[in-house]
Protein backbone atom coordinates (compact mmCIF):
# COMPACT_ATOMS: atom_id res chain seq x y z
CA MET A 1 163.24 145.29 58.51
CA HIS A 2 162.82 148.20 60.64
CA VAL A 3 161.06 148.25 63.87
CA ASP A 4 160.82 149.63 67.39
CA VAL A 5 161.92 146.80 69.33
CA VAL A 6 163.61 143.50 68.45
CA VAL A 7 163.02 140.70 71.34
CA ILE A 8 166.11 137.85 70.86
CA GLY A 9 165.23 134.67 71.64
CA LEU A 10 161.81 133.26 71.94
CA GLY A 11 161.87 130.35 74.81
CA LEU A 12 159.11 130.76 77.33
CA ILE A 13 160.39 134.26 78.67
CA GLY A 14 161.06 135.95 75.12
CA SER A 15 157.88 134.70 73.79
CA ALA A 16 156.22 135.92 76.70
CA ALA A 17 157.46 139.36 76.31
CA LEU A 18 156.99 139.57 72.86
CA ARG A 19 153.64 139.22 73.05
CA ARG A 20 153.36 141.92 75.62
CA LEU A 21 154.91 144.36 73.21
CA ALA A 22 153.12 143.36 70.26
CA ALA A 23 149.49 144.48 72.29
CA THR A 24 151.33 148.27 72.73
CA ASP A 25 152.01 151.03 70.00
CA LEU A 26 155.35 149.55 69.21
CA THR A 27 156.34 147.63 65.94
CA ALA A 28 157.70 144.42 67.43
CA ALA A 29 159.83 141.40 65.83
CA GLY A 30 160.65 138.54 67.69
CA ILE A 31 163.79 136.40 66.57
CA GLY A 32 164.55 132.79 67.64
CA PRO A 33 164.81 129.31 66.12
CA GLY A 34 162.47 126.64 66.45
CA GLU A 35 163.11 122.98 67.93
CA PRO A 36 165.86 121.48 66.27
CA SER A 37 165.21 118.34 64.52
CA ASP A 38 168.60 116.36 65.29
CA PRO A 39 170.78 117.67 67.92
CA ALA A 40 173.44 115.81 67.47
CA THR A 41 174.30 118.11 64.32
CA TYR A 42 172.56 121.61 65.28
CA THR A 43 174.74 124.61 65.60
CA GLY A 44 172.43 126.73 66.76
CA PRO A 45 171.70 127.89 70.55
CA PHE A 46 169.95 125.42 72.66
CA ALA A 47 166.97 125.84 75.28
CA SER A 48 165.68 123.60 77.50
CA HIS A 49 161.84 124.82 76.62
CA HIS A 50 162.00 121.86 74.06
CA ASP A 51 160.10 119.56 76.71
CA SER A 52 156.21 118.83 77.24
CA GLY A 53 156.21 118.84 80.96
CA ARG A 54 157.17 121.34 83.87
CA ILE A 55 155.56 121.61 87.13
CA THR A 56 153.04 125.01 88.02
CA ARG A 57 152.74 126.14 91.55
CA ARG A 58 152.60 129.29 93.07
CA LEU A 59 153.94 127.93 96.73
CA ASP A 60 157.03 129.11 97.29
CA ALA A 61 159.78 130.15 100.09
CA ARG A 62 159.87 133.37 98.14
CA TYR A 63 157.47 136.13 97.97
CA GLU A 64 158.92 137.38 94.79
CA TRP A 65 158.72 134.02 92.77
CA ALA A 66 155.32 133.12 94.33
CA GLU A 67 153.83 136.60 92.84
CA LEU A 68 155.12 136.14 89.61
CA ALA A 69 153.89 132.57 89.12
CA ASP A 70 150.43 133.57 90.75
CA ARG A 71 150.39 136.38 88.18
CA SER A 72 151.15 134.11 85.38
CA ILE A 73 148.95 131.39 86.37
CA ARG A 74 146.16 133.69 86.46
CA GLU A 75 146.86 134.49 82.87
CA TYR A 76 146.88 131.26 81.50
CA PRO A 77 142.75 130.93 80.58
CA THR A 78 142.98 133.90 78.84
CA LEU A 79 146.29 132.97 76.70
CA GLU A 80 144.67 129.42 76.13
CA ALA A 81 141.42 131.03 75.01
CA ARG A 82 143.14 133.62 72.46
CA SER A 83 145.51 131.17 71.26
CA GLY A 84 143.15 128.10 70.85
CA ILE A 85 146.29 126.18 72.49
CA ASP A 86 145.37 124.32 76.06
CA PHE A 87 148.68 123.65 77.65
CA HIS A 88 148.30 123.91 81.72
CA ARG A 89 146.94 120.60 83.68
CA PRO A 90 145.54 121.47 86.84
CA VAL A 91 146.46 118.44 89.19
CA GLY A 92 147.58 120.11 91.96
CA MET A 93 151.24 119.62 93.59
CA VAL A 94 152.89 118.48 96.44
CA PHE A 95 156.05 119.91 98.11
CA VAL A 96 157.80 117.55 100.69
CA ARG A 97 160.93 118.95 102.60
CA ARG A 98 161.78 118.81 106.48
CA ASP A 99 163.94 121.87 106.80
CA GLY A 100 162.29 123.96 109.49
CA ALA A 101 163.37 127.71 107.87
CA GLY A 102 162.10 126.74 104.20
CA ILE A 103 159.01 125.27 105.75
CA ALA A 104 158.56 128.56 107.89
CA HIS A 105 159.09 131.02 104.37
CA GLN A 106 156.78 128.45 102.73
CA ARG A 107 153.86 129.59 105.52
CA SER A 108 154.99 133.27 105.19
CA VAL A 109 154.13 133.19 101.55
CA ILE A 110 150.95 130.53 101.94
CA GLU A 111 149.66 133.68 103.96
CA ARG A 112 150.57 136.67 102.48
CA LEU A 113 149.18 135.49 98.89
CA GLY A 114 145.96 133.05 100.97
CA LEU A 115 147.12 130.01 98.83
CA ASP A 116 144.81 126.92 99.34
CA VAL A 117 147.51 124.46 101.20
CA THR A 118 147.28 121.88 103.43
CA ILE A 119 150.43 121.20 105.43
CA GLY A 120 150.97 118.10 107.45
CA PRO A 121 153.56 114.88 107.82
CA THR A 122 153.80 112.80 104.98
CA GLY A 123 152.68 109.83 106.71
CA GLU A 124 149.14 111.15 107.19
CA LEU A 125 148.17 112.96 103.87
CA GLU A 126 147.62 111.16 100.67
CA THR A 127 150.01 112.65 97.92
CA GLY A 128 150.10 109.49 95.80
CA TYR A 129 153.99 108.99 96.19
CA ARG A 130 155.87 107.15 98.25
CA LEU A 131 157.52 109.56 100.63
CA PRO A 132 159.83 108.96 103.79
CA ALA A 133 158.50 109.50 107.18
CA GLY A 134 159.49 112.63 109.23
CA HIS A 135 158.68 114.77 106.53
CA THR A 136 156.09 117.85 105.95
CA ALA A 137 154.23 117.34 102.76
CA LEU A 138 152.54 120.58 101.55
CA VAL A 139 149.82 120.10 99.72
CA GLU A 140 148.83 122.68 96.79
CA ARG A 141 144.80 122.27 95.35
CA PRO A 142 144.76 123.47 91.82
CA PRO A 143 145.41 125.30 89.78
CA ALA A 144 149.23 124.19 90.82
CA GLY A 145 150.06 121.16 88.56
CA HIS A 146 152.16 120.68 85.49
CA VAL A 147 152.27 122.81 82.10
CA ASP A 148 153.68 121.80 78.25
CA PRO A 149 156.56 124.08 77.65
CA ARG A 150 156.17 123.84 73.61
CA ARG A 151 152.16 124.64 73.84
CA MET A 152 152.66 127.64 76.08
CA ARG A 153 155.46 128.86 73.67
CA ALA A 154 153.61 128.36 70.29
CA ALA A 155 150.22 129.84 72.29
CA GLN A 156 152.47 133.33 73.17
CA LEU A 157 153.58 133.00 69.76
CA ALA A 158 150.23 132.53 68.15
CA VAL A 159 148.92 135.34 69.81
CA ALA A 160 152.02 137.84 68.98
CA ILE A 161 151.73 137.48 65.69
CA ASP A 162 147.64 137.85 65.74
CA ASP A 163 148.41 141.05 67.46
CA GLY A 164 150.97 142.42 64.57
CA ALA A 165 154.32 140.95 65.79
CA THR A 166 156.75 139.63 63.39
CA VAL A 167 158.17 135.99 64.15
CA ILE A 168 161.93 135.19 62.35
CA ASP A 169 162.69 131.78 62.86
CA ASP A 170 166.20 132.15 63.14
CA TRP A 171 169.38 132.69 65.53
CA VAL A 172 171.13 136.20 66.19
CA ILE A 173 174.86 136.16 65.67
CA SER A 174 175.50 139.97 66.33
CA VAL A 175 173.79 143.14 67.62
CA ASP A 176 175.71 146.26 66.89
CA ARG A 177 175.02 149.94 67.65
CA VAL A 178 174.82 151.91 64.86
CA GLY A 179 174.04 155.41 65.90
CA ALA A 180 170.63 155.95 67.69
CA ARG A 181 169.58 151.86 66.46
CA PHE A 182 170.69 148.66 66.49
CA SER A 183 171.85 146.72 63.76
CA VAL A 184 170.83 142.72 64.03
CA ALA A 185 172.22 140.03 61.93
CA THR A 186 170.81 136.56 62.00
CA ASN A 187 172.81 133.28 61.11
CA GLY A 188 170.30 133.11 58.25
CA GLY A 189 171.51 136.88 56.59
CA VAL A 190 168.12 138.73 57.63
CA ALA A 191 168.82 141.94 58.80
CA VAL A 192 166.90 144.11 61.05
CA GLU A 193 167.26 147.66 62.81
CA ALA A 194 165.43 148.56 65.86
CA THR A 195 165.76 151.42 68.42
CA ARG A 196 165.24 148.81 71.36
CA VAL A 197 167.02 145.72 72.06
CA LEU A 198 165.61 143.13 74.49
CA LEU A 199 167.78 140.07 75.23
CA ALA A 200 165.99 137.02 76.35
CA THR A 201 168.63 134.29 75.70
CA GLY A 202 168.45 131.70 78.19
CA PRO A 203 171.63 129.77 78.86
CA HIS A 204 173.37 131.69 76.33
CA LEU A 205 172.85 134.99 78.09
CA HIS A 206 176.83 135.78 77.21
CA ASP A 207 177.06 135.53 73.81
CA LEU A 208 175.48 138.82 72.87
CA VAL A 209 175.85 140.85 75.67
CA PRO A 210 178.94 143.86 75.65
CA PHE A 211 180.43 142.26 79.41
CA VAL A 212 180.01 139.71 81.63
CA LEU A 213 176.70 139.19 83.68
CA ALA A 214 176.92 137.16 86.51
CA ALA A 215 175.45 134.13 86.50
CA ARG A 216 176.41 130.23 85.98
CA VAL A 217 174.65 127.96 83.75
CA MET A 218 174.24 124.57 85.13
CA PRO A 219 174.19 121.27 83.57
CA GLU A 220 170.96 119.04 84.71
CA ALA A 221 169.81 115.51 83.72
CA VAL A 222 165.85 114.54 83.44
CA ALA A 223 164.59 111.02 82.69
CA LEU A 224 161.50 109.93 80.74
CA ALA A 225 159.55 107.15 81.98
CA ARG A 226 157.24 105.75 79.17
CA VAL A 227 153.56 104.51 80.76
CA SER A 228 150.95 102.72 78.70
CA ASP A 229 147.71 104.51 77.64
CA ASP A 230 146.01 102.98 80.40
CA GLU A 231 148.61 103.50 83.22
CA ALA A 232 148.58 107.25 82.22
CA GLU A 233 144.68 107.10 82.67
CA ARG A 234 144.85 105.11 85.68
CA LEU A 235 147.29 108.47 86.73
CA ALA A 236 145.40 111.23 85.86
CA GLY A 237 144.70 112.75 89.04
CA LEU A 238 148.32 111.87 90.38
CA PRO A 239 149.79 115.85 91.21
CA SER A 240 153.21 117.14 90.57
CA LEU A 241 156.07 116.66 93.35
CA ILE A 242 158.92 118.99 94.17
CA TYR A 243 160.87 116.55 97.07
CA LEU A 244 164.10 117.26 98.83
CA PRO A 245 165.74 114.67 100.16
CA ASP A 246 167.95 114.39 103.29
CA ASP A 247 170.96 113.03 101.32
CA PRO A 248 173.35 115.28 99.89
CA ALA A 249 173.36 114.23 96.68
CA TRP A 250 170.24 115.40 95.71
CA ASN A 251 169.60 119.21 96.02
CA ASP A 252 166.02 118.33 94.78
CA VAL A 253 163.97 115.76 92.91
CA TYR A 254 160.88 116.82 90.85
CA VAL A 255 158.34 114.60 89.16
CA VAL A 256 155.84 115.84 86.31
CA PRO A 257 152.93 113.34 86.07
CA PRO A 258 152.06 111.50 82.90
CA VAL A 259 151.73 114.12 79.75
CA GLU A 260 151.69 112.80 75.91
CA TYR A 261 154.55 113.89 74.48
CA PRO A 262 155.04 115.09 70.63
CA ASP A 263 155.42 111.34 69.74
CA GLY A 264 151.85 110.56 70.96
CA ARG A 265 153.37 108.43 73.68
CA TRP A 266 152.75 109.37 77.43
CA TYR A 267 155.69 109.99 80.10
CA VAL A 268 156.68 110.53 83.62
CA LYS A 269 159.20 113.16 84.01
CA ILE A 270 161.84 113.06 87.30
CA GLY A 271 164.38 115.28 87.63
CA GLY A 272 167.23 116.55 90.10
CA SER A 273 170.20 117.98 90.56
CA ILE A 274 173.75 116.16 89.54
CA ASP A 275 175.68 115.81 92.09
CA GLY A 276 179.19 118.12 92.05
CA ALA A 277 178.26 119.17 88.21
CA GLU A 278 180.76 122.52 87.33
CA PRO A 279 178.99 125.02 85.69
CA LEU A 280 178.99 125.06 81.93
CA ARG A 281 181.44 128.14 80.97
CA SER A 282 181.00 128.26 77.02
CA ALA A 283 178.76 127.82 74.13
CA ASP A 284 180.81 125.08 72.98
CA GLU A 285 180.16 123.29 76.48
CA ILE A 286 176.62 123.71 76.25
CA ARG A 287 176.58 122.45 72.76
CA ALA A 288 178.63 119.27 74.03
CA TRP A 289 176.21 118.77 77.19
CA MET A 290 172.95 119.08 75.37
CA ALA A 291 174.22 117.01 71.94
CA GLY A 292 175.89 114.25 73.42
CA PRO A 293 175.27 111.51 75.64
CA SER A 294 176.57 112.75 79.05
CA ALA A 295 173.02 113.12 80.60
CA ASP A 296 173.11 109.23 80.40
CA SER A 297 175.10 109.00 83.32
CA GLN A 298 172.24 109.94 85.32
CA LEU A 299 169.92 107.70 83.99
CA ASP A 300 170.27 104.98 86.91
CA ARG A 301 170.10 107.31 89.98
CA LEU A 302 167.06 109.07 88.53
CA THR A 303 165.20 105.67 87.56
CA ARG A 304 165.89 104.37 91.41
CA MET A 305 165.02 107.82 92.51
CA LEU A 306 161.58 107.09 90.21
CA VAL A 307 160.70 103.92 91.45
CA GLU A 308 161.03 104.46 94.79
CA LEU A 309 158.65 107.63 94.58
CA LEU A 310 156.01 105.76 92.36
CA PRO A 311 156.21 101.99 93.05
CA ASP A 312 153.82 100.76 91.96
CA VAL A 313 153.50 102.34 88.37
CA ALA A 314 154.64 100.34 85.49
CA PHE A 315 157.32 102.02 83.47
CA ASP A 316 158.31 100.37 79.72
CA ASP A 317 161.18 102.26 79.25
CA VAL A 318 163.26 105.23 80.32
CA ALA A 319 165.41 107.53 78.66
CA ALA A 320 167.39 110.54 79.93
CA LYS A 321 167.77 113.82 78.33
CA PRO A 322 170.05 117.07 78.92
CA CYS A 323 168.84 120.17 80.70
CA LEU A 324 170.13 123.58 81.64
CA ILE A 325 169.47 125.63 84.57
CA THR A 326 170.85 129.25 84.61
CA ASP A 327 171.09 130.91 88.29
CA THR A 328 171.92 134.37 89.09
CA THR A 329 173.71 135.74 92.29
CA HIS A 330 170.66 136.85 94.03
CA ASP A 331 168.16 133.76 92.94
CA LEU A 332 165.96 136.14 90.52
CA PRO A 333 165.68 136.85 87.18
CA TYR A 334 167.69 139.83 85.68
CA VAL A 335 165.24 142.08 83.93
CA ASP A 336 167.21 145.06 83.26
CA GLU A 337 168.39 147.73 81.21
CA ILE A 338 172.14 146.84 80.77
CA GLU A 339 173.04 149.85 78.69
CA ASP A 340 171.45 152.75 76.60
CA ARG A 341 167.96 150.95 75.46
CA LEU A 342 169.77 147.16 75.72
CA PHE A 343 167.68 145.48 77.84
CA VAL A 344 168.14 141.57 79.36
CA ALA A 345 165.56 139.01 81.14
CA VAL A 346 167.24 136.29 81.46
CA GLY A 347 168.21 133.73 85.02
CA GLY A 348 165.17 131.40 85.40
CA CYS A 349 167.10 129.71 88.30
CA GLY A 350 165.27 126.75 87.60
CA HIS A 351 161.73 128.38 88.47
CA ALA A 352 160.80 130.12 85.06
CA ALA A 353 159.08 128.43 83.28
CA LYS A 354 155.80 128.63 84.83
CA SER A 355 156.16 132.08 86.02
CA SER A 356 157.33 133.22 82.11
CA ASP A 357 154.58 135.11 81.50
CA ALA A 358 155.05 137.59 84.30
CA ILE A 359 158.77 137.78 83.50
CA GLY A 360 157.82 138.62 79.98
CA ALA A 361 155.62 141.18 81.37
CA LEU A 362 157.99 143.01 83.38
CA ALA A 363 160.46 142.98 80.70
CA ALA A 364 158.04 144.36 77.97
CA GLY A 365 157.01 147.19 80.48
CA LEU A 366 160.79 147.86 81.34
CA VAL A 367 161.23 147.94 77.27
CA ARG A 368 158.56 150.11 76.61
CA SER A 369 158.68 152.88 79.10
CA GLY A 370 162.06 152.71 80.20
CA THR A 371 160.66 152.84 84.00
CA TRP A 372 160.27 149.95 86.30
CA PRO A 373 156.68 148.56 85.43
CA ASP A 374 156.03 147.47 88.86
CA THR A 375 154.87 148.54 92.79
CA ALA A 376 154.54 145.22 93.98
CA LEU A 377 157.97 143.82 92.83
CA ARG A 378 161.13 145.85 93.36
CA ARG A 379 163.25 147.00 90.21
CA HIS A 380 166.43 146.41 92.96
CA ASP A 381 165.77 142.24 92.96
CA PHE A 382 165.84 141.91 89.39
CA ARG A 383 168.83 144.18 88.61
CA ALA A 384 171.53 142.94 86.43
CA VAL A 385 174.68 141.84 88.30
CA THR A 386 178.21 142.27 86.23
CA GLY A 387 181.45 140.04 86.71
CA GLU A 388 182.21 136.74 88.04
CA MET A 389 179.01 134.42 89.54
CA ALA A 390 179.04 134.41 93.50
CA SER A 391 177.35 131.57 94.98
CA PRO A 392 173.73 131.98 94.68
CA THR A 393 172.60 133.60 98.08
CA GLN A 394 169.99 130.86 98.68
CA SER A 395 169.04 127.16 97.00
CA ARG A 396 166.45 127.14 94.54
CA HIS A 397 163.96 125.94 97.20
CA GLY A 398 164.63 128.91 99.42
CA TYR A 399 166.85 128.78 102.72
C-alpha cells in the first residue's frame, strides 16, 4: 500500500489526526490495534483509551490546555452528528483546591476565555460531593462534564473512513526510511509505504523513534464502582470532580459520575496518583503493569476516598484497573517534526482525552504543510525534547 501519510497509533490523538488528514488532499492510512480481549495474553501495545469515562472541561491553570479543550469541546457536536455516535455528557464539572497560586492562574484563564465558572467556598456551593471546609470550589457549567473515550475514538475513525482514510487494525513493529519514503511493517505482515509518518503512539512513544524523547510513563490506577440502574438514574445530574487533597499521598483525585460501560452496567470511576510511584521504563514494564494485578494494591485507598466523597451512594462492588499517563518536560504534548517528514504527537500529561481533537488537528496541520498551523498557540511550547526526562516544571494541574 502506498499513501502520502501514515498515522501510527490510533488512540484519541491519532484517530483525531487521521480524521483531519482524511479531509485534505492527502491519501492517509492509520494503523492501530483494537481493544485486547484478554490483557493477560495480549502481546501488542497497551493504551489507556479503552475506557468509558473521562472528564471534559475547559477550566485549567494553563491557557494552552484550556484553549485545546475549548476547541475540542466546540467540535464535539459536529463529530457526534457526522459519525452518528454520541460520546459527550455535559453534566458540568467541579474543581476543588486550596492553593492560592493555582486558583489565581485558573481565574486568569477563566477571564481570558470567558468561561462560565462560579467560585466559592466548598461549604457554600452545591456540588453533589462531601468536601472538606477551607477549600475553594470552582464550578464549571456544561458543556463541561465527561466523555466516553471508546465512543469518541470510534466516532473519529468512522468519519475518517467516510472521508477516504484506510484503517488497519494491527500494530507497527518497524519504521524504516527507504530513499524518499518510509517503509512501515505491522505485526500481521502488512506493508505500507508513505512519504510522511505521524507517530501518535502514546505510552509507547520510545518504541519507534530513532532517539530518546524526554518523557516518563507513569502507572496510575482507577477504581470502577458499580451502581444499580436506579442509583445511576438518581445520580444523573452529578458533575465530574477534580479534587486536590491536602494529603501529600495524593497529587490529585478525580471522579467521573455513573457511566454505562460495555457490559451494560453503570460504574462511578475514581482515579488518582499513586504515592511513590516510579516511571515505567520499558515496553515490558508497561505490559507487566497493564496486564498484571499490581493495580489491585490501590483498591482500598481509592475505595475509601470514593466513600468519603460520596457517602450516600450505594456501591454494589468495586474493582481496580490499571492506567498510564505520559508526562513531558514542559507539561504539554510533543507535537513536532523530529526528523525530516517524521512527526510526533505524544505526551498527554493526564489531560489529553478531552482535548484530543484539537491536538490531532495541530498535528495534522503540521504534517500537511510542514509549518506550524496555529497563531494562538506557540510551536515552541509543543516542541519535542530529547534526552533524559527532567522533572515536569509544574504539577499536572498547574503551579
